[in-house]
Amino acid sequence: MTKIEPKIDRILAVDDSPDNLFLVQAILEDEGYIIDLADDGFAALEQIERNPPDLILLDVMMPNLDGYEVTRRVRTQSDLPYIPILLITAHEGSSVVKGLDVGADDFIRKPVEMEELQARVRSLLRLKHTIDERDRMAREREDFVSRLTHDLRTPLVAADRMLNLMQSQAFGEISQSMDEAIATMIRSNNNLLDMVNLLLEVYRYEAGRKQLTFAPFNLCETLNEILDELSPIAQDKQLEVVRDFQGEICEIVGDRLELYRVFINLIGNAIKFTDQGKIEVRLSRPVSSHDSLMLEVEDTGIGIEQSDRANLFTRFRQGDHKRSGSGLGLHLCQRIIDAHQGEIDVRSKVGEGSLFRIKLPLHINGMSG
């Protein structure tokens, strides 16, 4: 069995004084760390981008680019892993508050005591290792769920095809009771396939792997398409469906398929949780903004308990009602609306109904189709 060697932490020390760099290097190399050196802020940023260290020891007072600015620039680079930053200064006037506000993790003053420096380095590296391990486990969990859902879809799709062939009597005549049993299996299989597809979409968003296609489309046409599809269900429950669209604001930029998923979820839920009364879908322009639109889905249904509303958009958070689903649908809705730089909220009163409100910008900043 191959023995896995423990990883040696790399520390980048940044100071415009060669003597200070020599001292830090001597203290920390004895602890078994690999020490990289940089004599100014620009050289440090180049090294960090090329080969991110596990910890940065950063002098505050340096010419051209001081430690505060280096810290700020490091923290604005979203593609970097988390790197603890320990600011070091010889000046009493240096601001601890400023250093922490720009993103430093700790602060130490010169002359540096060897044991204190070693202790602070150990503490920050423990923090680094904890965060790295948490992120690694999160990535492994996301990869596992992604692979699992992909693997689950294959037999579910195959089962759906086989059941439909059986129902169409491709393998021979079947009795009425067998036909009813197969229909039940098809519905159950489709419900499970829908849940697997939903779970896969959620993890695509959370892993940053979801690619959206932004383009102009007619929102009124999309809403009418959804309402035409769902109206038979509402009619079976004798529910009135009211459409109130202001036609002059129907054009919007967004990913039509993803927004379709949001709207059919909200309107479908409104019908599902309403036993009498009506469902109203309204599209208007907010009084406070000319660059956005407001979509409202209001029902006269059972309403949502106050205790459930706070976590309504949290994944796997199911309501207490027997009709509640997996707890993924509304979480995915919020992910999609967030990706469109919009907002979604809910108002509800038990026994009187719910109002879901979505605010969307007419144009997506920094995005193109």
Protein backbone atom coordinates (compact mmCIF):
# COMPACT_ATOMS: atom_id res chain seq x y z
CA MET A 1 0.00 0.00 0.00
CA THR A 2 1.35 3.41 -0.99
CA LYS A 3 1.87 5.68 1.99
CA ILE A 4 0.35 9.14 1.55
CA GLU A 5 2.78 11.79 2.68
CA PRO A 6 1.25 14.59 4.79
CA LYS A 7 0.92 17.90 2.99
CA ILE A 8 3.44 20.57 4.02
CA ASP A 9 1.90 24.02 4.46
CA ARG A 10 3.29 26.83 2.32
CA ILE A 11 3.53 30.31 3.79
CA LEU A 12 4.09 33.49 1.80
CA ALA A 13 5.93 36.20 3.79
CA VAL A 14 5.70 39.72 2.34
CA ASP A 15 7.89 42.57 3.65
CA ASP A 16 10.02 45.29 2.05
CA SER A 17 12.75 44.66 4.66
CA PRO A 18 15.15 41.77 3.84
CA ASP A 19 16.07 41.48 7.53
CA ASN A 20 12.44 40.97 8.53
CA LEU A 21 11.96 38.36 5.80
CA PHE A 22 15.08 36.51 6.96
CA LEU A 23 13.82 36.51 10.57
CA VAL A 24 10.36 35.19 9.68
CA GLN A 25 11.85 32.56 7.39
CA ALA A 26 14.24 31.37 10.10
CA ILE A 27 11.48 31.13 12.71
CA LEU A 28 8.98 29.26 10.56
CA GLU A 29 11.24 26.96 8.58
CA ASP A 30 12.25 25.37 11.88
CA GLU A 31 8.56 24.49 12.30
CA GLY A 32 8.61 22.53 9.06
CA TYR A 33 6.81 25.00 6.81
CA ILE A 34 7.78 25.91 3.25
CA ILE A 35 8.42 29.66 3.13
CA ASP A 36 8.07 31.78 -0.01
CA LEU A 37 9.23 35.39 0.05
CA ALA A 38 8.08 38.61 -1.65
CA ASP A 39 9.53 42.08 -1.10
CA ASP A 40 6.54 44.16 -2.24
CA GLY A 41 2.80 43.95 -2.73
CA PHE A 42 2.82 43.53 -6.51
CA ALA A 43 5.27 40.63 -6.34
CA ALA A 44 3.10 39.05 -3.65
CA LEU A 45 -0.05 39.27 -5.79
CA GLU A 46 1.76 37.66 -8.71
CA GLN A 47 2.88 34.74 -6.53
CA ILE A 48 -0.59 34.35 -4.99
CA GLU A 49 -2.22 34.18 -8.42
CA ARG A 50 0.41 31.77 -9.78
CA ASN A 51 0.57 29.44 -6.77
CA PRO A 52 -1.81 30.26 -3.88
CA PRO A 53 -0.16 29.69 -0.47
CA ASP A 54 -1.82 28.25 2.62
CA LEU A 55 -1.14 31.40 4.67
CA ILE A 56 0.03 34.97 4.00
CA LEU A 57 2.16 36.94 6.46
CA LEU A 58 1.83 40.51 5.28
CA ASP A 59 3.63 43.67 6.37
CA VAL A 60 1.24 46.62 6.55
CA MET A 61 3.59 49.50 5.73
CA MET A 62 5.13 48.96 2.28
CA PRO A 63 5.79 51.41 -0.55
CA ASN A 64 3.52 51.49 -3.65
CA LEU A 65 1.07 48.87 -2.41
CA ASP A 66 0.51 48.55 1.35
CA GLY A 67 -0.72 45.51 3.22
CA TYR A 68 -4.30 46.75 3.42
CA GLU A 69 -4.56 47.06 -0.37
CA VAL A 70 -2.94 43.67 -0.95
CA THR A 71 -5.46 42.13 1.47
CA ARG A 72 -8.37 43.84 -0.26
CA ARG A 73 -7.26 42.63 -3.69
CA VAL A 74 -6.80 39.07 -2.49
CA ARG A 75 -10.29 39.03 -0.97
CA THR A 76 -11.88 40.30 -4.19
CA GLN A 77 -10.49 37.38 -6.23
CA SER A 78 -13.38 34.93 -6.07
CA ASP A 79 -11.45 32.19 -7.87
CA LEU A 80 -8.91 31.90 -5.05
CA PRO A 81 -9.38 29.38 -2.24
CA TYR A 82 -9.65 30.72 1.27
CA ILE A 83 -6.19 31.96 2.42
CA PRO A 84 -5.72 33.25 6.00
CA ILE A 85 -3.94 36.62 6.15
CA LEU A 86 -1.89 37.71 9.17
CA LEU A 87 -1.01 41.41 9.10
CA ILE A 88 2.27 42.49 10.73
CA THR A 89 3.17 46.08 11.61
CA ALA A 90 5.73 48.04 13.63
CA HIS A 91 3.52 51.11 13.95
CA GLU A 92 1.18 51.71 16.86
CA GLY A 93 -1.02 53.84 14.62
CA SER A 94 -1.87 51.02 12.24
CA SER A 95 -5.58 50.30 12.35
CA VAL A 96 -6.62 46.84 13.47
CA VAL A 97 -10.18 47.72 12.49
CA LYS A 98 -9.17 48.71 8.96
CA GLY A 99 -7.14 45.54 8.54
CA LEU A 100 -9.97 43.29 9.68
CA ASP A 101 -12.51 45.20 7.58
CA VAL A 102 -10.57 44.66 4.36
CA GLY A 103 -10.38 40.92 5.06
CA ALA A 104 -7.40 40.13 7.31
CA ASP A 105 -7.83 37.32 9.83
CA ASP A 106 -5.38 38.38 12.52
CA PHE A 107 -2.97 41.16 13.47
CA ILE A 108 0.46 41.05 15.18
CA ARG A 109 2.92 43.85 16.04
CA LYS A 110 6.68 44.08 15.68
CA PRO A 111 9.03 43.24 17.19
CA VAL A 112 7.54 39.81 16.65
CA GLU A 113 7.97 37.30 19.44
CA MET A 114 8.86 33.88 18.09
CA GLU A 115 6.39 31.85 20.18
CA GLU A 116 3.51 34.26 19.54
CA LEU A 117 4.13 34.19 15.77
CA GLN A 118 4.30 30.39 15.75
CA ALA A 119 1.07 30.14 17.78
CA ARG A 120 -0.82 32.54 15.51
CA VAL A 121 0.40 30.71 12.42
CA ARG A 122 -0.72 27.37 13.86
CA SER A 123 -4.12 28.82 14.75
CA LEU A 124 -4.72 30.28 11.29
CA LEU A 125 -3.57 27.11 9.55
CA ARG A 126 -5.98 25.06 11.67
CA LEU A 127 -8.73 27.39 10.46
CA LYS A 128 -7.53 26.96 6.86
CA HIS A 129 -7.51 23.16 7.15
CA THR A 130 -11.00 23.11 8.67
CA ILE A 131 -12.45 25.26 5.88
CA ASP A 132 -10.63 23.26 3.18
CA GLU A 133 -11.98 20.01 4.62
CA ARG A 134 -15.51 21.40 4.78
CA ASP A 135 -15.29 22.56 1.16
CA ARG A 136 -13.84 19.21 0.08
CA MET A 137 -16.69 17.32 1.74
CA ALA A 138 -19.24 19.67 0.14
CA ARG A 139 -17.73 19.07 -3.31
CA GLU A 140 -17.70 15.32 -2.78
CA ARG A 141 -21.32 15.41 -1.63
CA GLU A 142 -22.35 17.45 -4.68
CA ASP A 143 -20.43 15.14 -7.02
CA PHE A 144 -21.98 12.09 -5.37
CA VAL A 145 -25.53 13.46 -5.69
CA SER A 146 -24.87 14.52 -9.28
CA ARG A 147 -23.57 11.06 -10.22
CA LEU A 148 -26.36 9.37 -8.26
CA THR A 149 -29.10 11.33 -9.98
CA HIS A 150 -27.55 10.66 -13.39
CA ASP A 151 -27.35 6.95 -12.59
CA LEU A 152 -30.92 6.87 -11.26
CA ARG A 153 -32.37 8.52 -14.37
CA THR A 154 -31.26 5.68 -16.67
CA PRO A 155 -33.29 2.83 -15.07
CA LEU A 156 -36.24 5.15 -14.42
CA VAL A 157 -36.41 6.21 -18.07
CA ALA A 158 -36.05 2.57 -19.15
CA ALA A 159 -38.81 1.51 -16.75
CA ASP A 160 -41.07 4.26 -18.06
CA ARG A 161 -40.62 3.07 -21.65
CA MET A 162 -41.22 -0.55 -20.73
CA LEU A 163 -44.36 0.25 -18.72
CA ASN A 164 -45.79 2.32 -21.56
CA LEU A 165 -45.14 -0.55 -23.98
CA MET A 166 -46.96 -2.91 -21.62
CA GLN A 167 -49.86 -0.50 -21.29
CA SER A 168 -50.12 -0.20 -25.09
CA GLN A 169 -50.34 -4.03 -25.16
CA ALA A 170 -47.16 -4.36 -27.21
CA PHE A 171 -46.42 -7.63 -25.37
CA GLY A 172 -49.93 -8.97 -25.49
CA GLU A 173 -53.43 -8.19 -24.29
CA ILE A 174 -53.82 -7.11 -20.66
CA SER A 175 -56.85 -7.05 -18.40
CA GLN A 176 -58.49 -3.87 -17.10
CA SER A 177 -57.15 -4.46 -13.58
CA MET A 178 -53.64 -4.93 -14.99
CA ASP A 179 -54.03 -1.76 -17.03
CA GLU A 180 -54.96 0.17 -13.88
CA ALA A 181 -52.01 -1.31 -11.99
CA ILE A 182 -49.61 -0.35 -14.80
CA ALA A 183 -51.05 3.18 -14.88
CA THR A 184 -50.34 3.50 -11.16
CA MET A 185 -46.77 2.29 -11.66
CA ILE A 186 -46.28 4.78 -14.51
CA ARG A 187 -47.47 7.66 -12.31
CA SER A 188 -45.21 6.59 -9.44
CA ASN A 189 -42.25 6.15 -11.76
CA ASN A 190 -42.85 9.59 -13.31
CA ASN A 191 -43.08 11.19 -9.86
CA LEU A 192 -39.76 9.65 -8.91
CA LEU A 193 -38.19 10.72 -12.22
CA ASP A 194 -39.45 14.28 -11.68
CA MET A 195 -37.88 14.32 -8.21
CA VAL A 196 -34.56 13.02 -9.54
CA ASN A 197 -34.54 15.66 -12.30
CA LEU A 198 -35.39 18.36 -9.76
CA LEU A 199 -32.59 17.24 -7.44
CA LEU A 200 -30.14 17.27 -10.34
CA GLU A 201 -31.14 20.84 -11.26
CA VAL A 202 -30.74 22.03 -7.66
CA TYR A 203 -27.20 20.66 -7.42
CA ARG A 204 -26.28 22.12 -10.80
CA TYR A 205 -27.14 25.55 -9.46
CA GLU A 206 -25.43 25.00 -6.13
CA ALA A 207 -22.26 23.67 -7.77
CA GLY A 208 -22.15 26.63 -10.18
CA ARG A 209 -22.49 24.30 -13.16
CA LYS A 210 -25.80 25.60 -14.48
CA GLN A 211 -25.49 27.52 -17.74
CA LEU A 212 -28.34 29.94 -18.46
CA THR A 213 -29.25 31.32 -21.88
CA PHE A 214 -30.50 34.90 -21.68
CA ALA A 215 -32.58 36.19 -24.59
CA PRO A 216 -35.64 38.41 -25.12
CA PHE A 217 -39.00 36.62 -24.94
CA ASN A 218 -42.67 37.40 -24.43
CA LEU A 219 -43.57 36.69 -20.81
CA CYS A 220 -47.31 37.03 -21.40
CA GLU A 221 -47.22 34.29 -24.02
CA THR A 222 -45.30 32.04 -21.62
CA LEU A 223 -47.77 32.64 -18.79
CA ASN A 224 -50.75 32.00 -21.09
CA GLU A 225 -49.12 28.75 -22.22
CA ILE A 226 -48.72 27.62 -18.60
CA LEU A 227 -52.26 28.64 -17.64
CA ASP A 228 -53.72 26.86 -20.67
CA GLU A 229 -51.83 23.72 -19.62
CA LEU A 230 -52.96 23.87 -15.99
CA SER A 231 -56.51 25.18 -16.48
CA PRO A 232 -58.07 21.69 -16.82
CA ILE A 233 -56.79 20.83 -13.34
CA ALA A 234 -58.28 24.05 -11.96
CA GLN A 235 -61.57 23.36 -13.76
CA ASP A 236 -61.75 19.87 -12.21
CA LYS A 237 -61.57 21.58 -8.81
CA GLN A 238 -64.06 24.27 -9.94
CA LEU A 239 -61.51 27.03 -9.37
CA GLU A 240 -61.66 30.34 -11.19
CA VAL A 241 -58.42 31.34 -12.95
CA VAL A 242 -57.95 35.10 -13.42
CA ARG A 243 -55.35 36.54 -15.80
CA ASP A 244 -54.42 40.19 -15.35
CA PHE A 245 -51.53 41.15 -17.66
CA GLN A 246 -50.46 44.62 -18.73
CA GLY A 247 -49.48 43.89 -22.32
CA GLU A 248 -47.02 46.74 -22.73
CA ILE A 249 -44.53 45.08 -20.34
CA CYS A 250 -44.62 41.54 -21.73
CA GLU A 251 -41.12 41.70 -23.27
CA ILE A 252 -38.35 40.61 -20.92
CA VAL A 253 -34.78 39.28 -21.12
CA GLY A 254 -34.13 35.98 -19.36
CA ASP A 255 -33.80 32.23 -19.70
CA ARG A 256 -37.30 31.31 -20.83
CA LEU A 257 -37.09 27.60 -19.95
CA GLU A 258 -35.82 28.28 -16.42
CA LEU A 259 -38.42 30.97 -15.75
CA TYR A 260 -41.08 28.66 -17.19
CA ARG A 261 -40.02 26.17 -14.50
CA VAL A 262 -40.57 28.84 -11.81
CA PHE A 263 -43.96 29.99 -13.02
CA ILE A 264 -45.42 26.52 -13.57
CA ASN A 265 -44.24 25.56 -10.07
CA LEU A 266 -45.89 28.57 -8.40
CA ILE A 267 -49.14 28.38 -10.37
CA GLY A 268 -49.27 24.59 -10.00
CA ASN A 269 -48.80 24.91 -6.24
CA ALA A 270 -51.53 27.55 -6.06
CA ILE A 271 -53.97 25.15 -7.73
CA LYS A 272 -52.76 22.20 -5.67
CA PHE A 273 -53.28 23.94 -2.32
CA THR A 274 -56.58 25.63 -3.18
CA ASP A 275 -59.87 23.75 -2.78
CA GLN A 276 -62.29 26.59 -3.49
CA GLY A 277 -62.18 30.14 -4.75
CA LYS A 278 -59.74 31.37 -7.37
CA ILE A 279 -56.17 31.65 -8.60
CA GLU A 280 -55.09 35.07 -9.85
CA VAL A 281 -51.97 35.68 -11.93
CA ARG A 282 -51.04 39.35 -12.27
CA LEU A 283 -48.27 41.00 -14.26
CA SER A 284 -47.55 44.68 -13.70
CA ARG A 285 -44.81 47.27 -13.35
CA PRO A 286 -43.84 48.24 -9.79
CA VAL A 287 -44.57 51.85 -8.90
CA SER A 288 -41.06 52.21 -7.48
CA SER A 289 -39.20 50.97 -10.58
CA HIS A 290 -39.55 51.46 -14.35
CA ASP A 291 -36.80 48.93 -15.13
CA SER A 292 -38.51 45.88 -13.66
CA LEU A 293 -41.78 43.99 -13.62
CA MET A 294 -43.81 42.31 -10.92
CA LEU A 295 -45.43 38.90 -11.24
CA GLU A 296 -47.92 37.90 -8.56
CA VAL A 297 -49.58 34.51 -8.05
CA GLU A 298 -52.35 34.74 -5.48
CA ASP A 299 -54.72 32.02 -4.32
CA THR A 300 -57.53 31.53 -1.82
CA GLY A 301 -56.08 28.27 -0.57
CA ILE A 302 -55.08 26.80 2.75
CA GLY A 303 -52.28 29.30 3.39
CA ILE A 304 -48.89 28.75 5.02
CA GLU A 305 -48.10 28.60 8.72
CA GLN A 306 -45.88 31.42 9.94
CA SER A 307 -43.35 28.89 11.23
CA ASP A 308 -43.03 27.44 7.70
CA ARG A 309 -42.75 30.77 5.86
CA ALA A 310 -39.33 31.62 7.32
CA ASN A 311 -37.73 28.53 5.75
CA LEU A 312 -40.03 28.11 2.75
CA PHE A 313 -37.23 28.48 0.19
CA THR A 314 -34.75 26.27 2.05
CA ARG A 315 -33.98 23.01 0.29
CA PHE A 316 -35.59 19.84 1.66
CA ARG A 317 -37.74 22.02 3.93
CA GLN A 318 -41.16 20.40 3.70
CA GLY A 319 -44.34 21.90 5.04
CA ASP A 320 -46.43 20.02 7.56
CA HIS A 321 -49.37 19.68 5.18
CA LYS A 322 -49.96 16.22 3.68
CA ARG A 323 -49.86 17.71 0.15
CA SER A 324 -46.37 19.14 0.64
CA GLY A 325 -43.76 17.88 -1.78
CA SER A 326 -40.03 17.21 -1.54
CA GLY A 327 -39.09 20.70 -0.39
CA LEU A 328 -36.94 21.26 -3.48
CA GLY A 329 -39.30 23.09 -5.84
CA LEU A 330 -39.41 26.46 -4.12
CA HIS A 331 -35.69 26.28 -3.32
CA LEU A 332 -34.98 25.84 -7.04
CA CYS A 333 -37.36 28.71 -7.84
CA GLN A 334 -35.36 31.02 -5.63
CA ARG A 335 -32.09 29.86 -7.22
CA ILE A 336 -33.46 30.64 -10.68
CA ILE A 337 -34.80 34.06 -9.66
CA ASP A 338 -31.47 34.90 -7.96
CA ALA A 339 -29.66 33.98 -11.19
CA HIS A 340 -31.92 36.50 -12.96
CA GLN A 341 -30.99 39.19 -10.40
CA GLY A 342 -34.58 39.21 -9.16
CA GLU A 343 -36.44 38.79 -5.89
CA ILE A 344 -39.10 36.37 -4.68
CA ASP A 345 -41.13 36.53 -1.49
CA VAL A 346 -44.40 35.27 -0.05
CA ARG A 347 -47.23 36.60 2.05
CA SER A 348 -49.75 34.20 3.49
CA LYS A 349 -52.43 33.73 6.10
CA VAL A 350 -53.66 30.32 7.19
CA GLY A 351 -57.11 29.63 5.83
CA GLU A 352 -57.14 32.69 3.57
CA GLY A 353 -54.52 31.95 0.92
CA SER A 354 -51.03 32.91 -0.25
CA LEU A 355 -49.45 35.55 -2.44
CA PHE A 356 -46.14 34.80 -4.16
CA ARG A 357 -44.48 37.87 -5.63
CA ILE A 358 -41.58 37.91 -8.07
CA LYS A 359 -39.73 41.06 -9.09
CA LEU A 360 -37.59 40.72 -12.22
CA PRO A 361 -35.39 43.27 -13.99
CA LEU A 362 -36.31 43.91 -17.62
CA HIS A 363 -32.62 43.56 -18.50
CA ILE A 364 -29.94 41.39 -16.87
CA ASN A 365 -26.84 43.39 -15.93
CA GLY A 366 -23.56 42.02 -17.27
CA MET A 367 -25.21 39.12 -19.08
CA SER A 368 -25.97 38.40 -22.66
CA GLY A 369 -27.65 35.67 -24.57
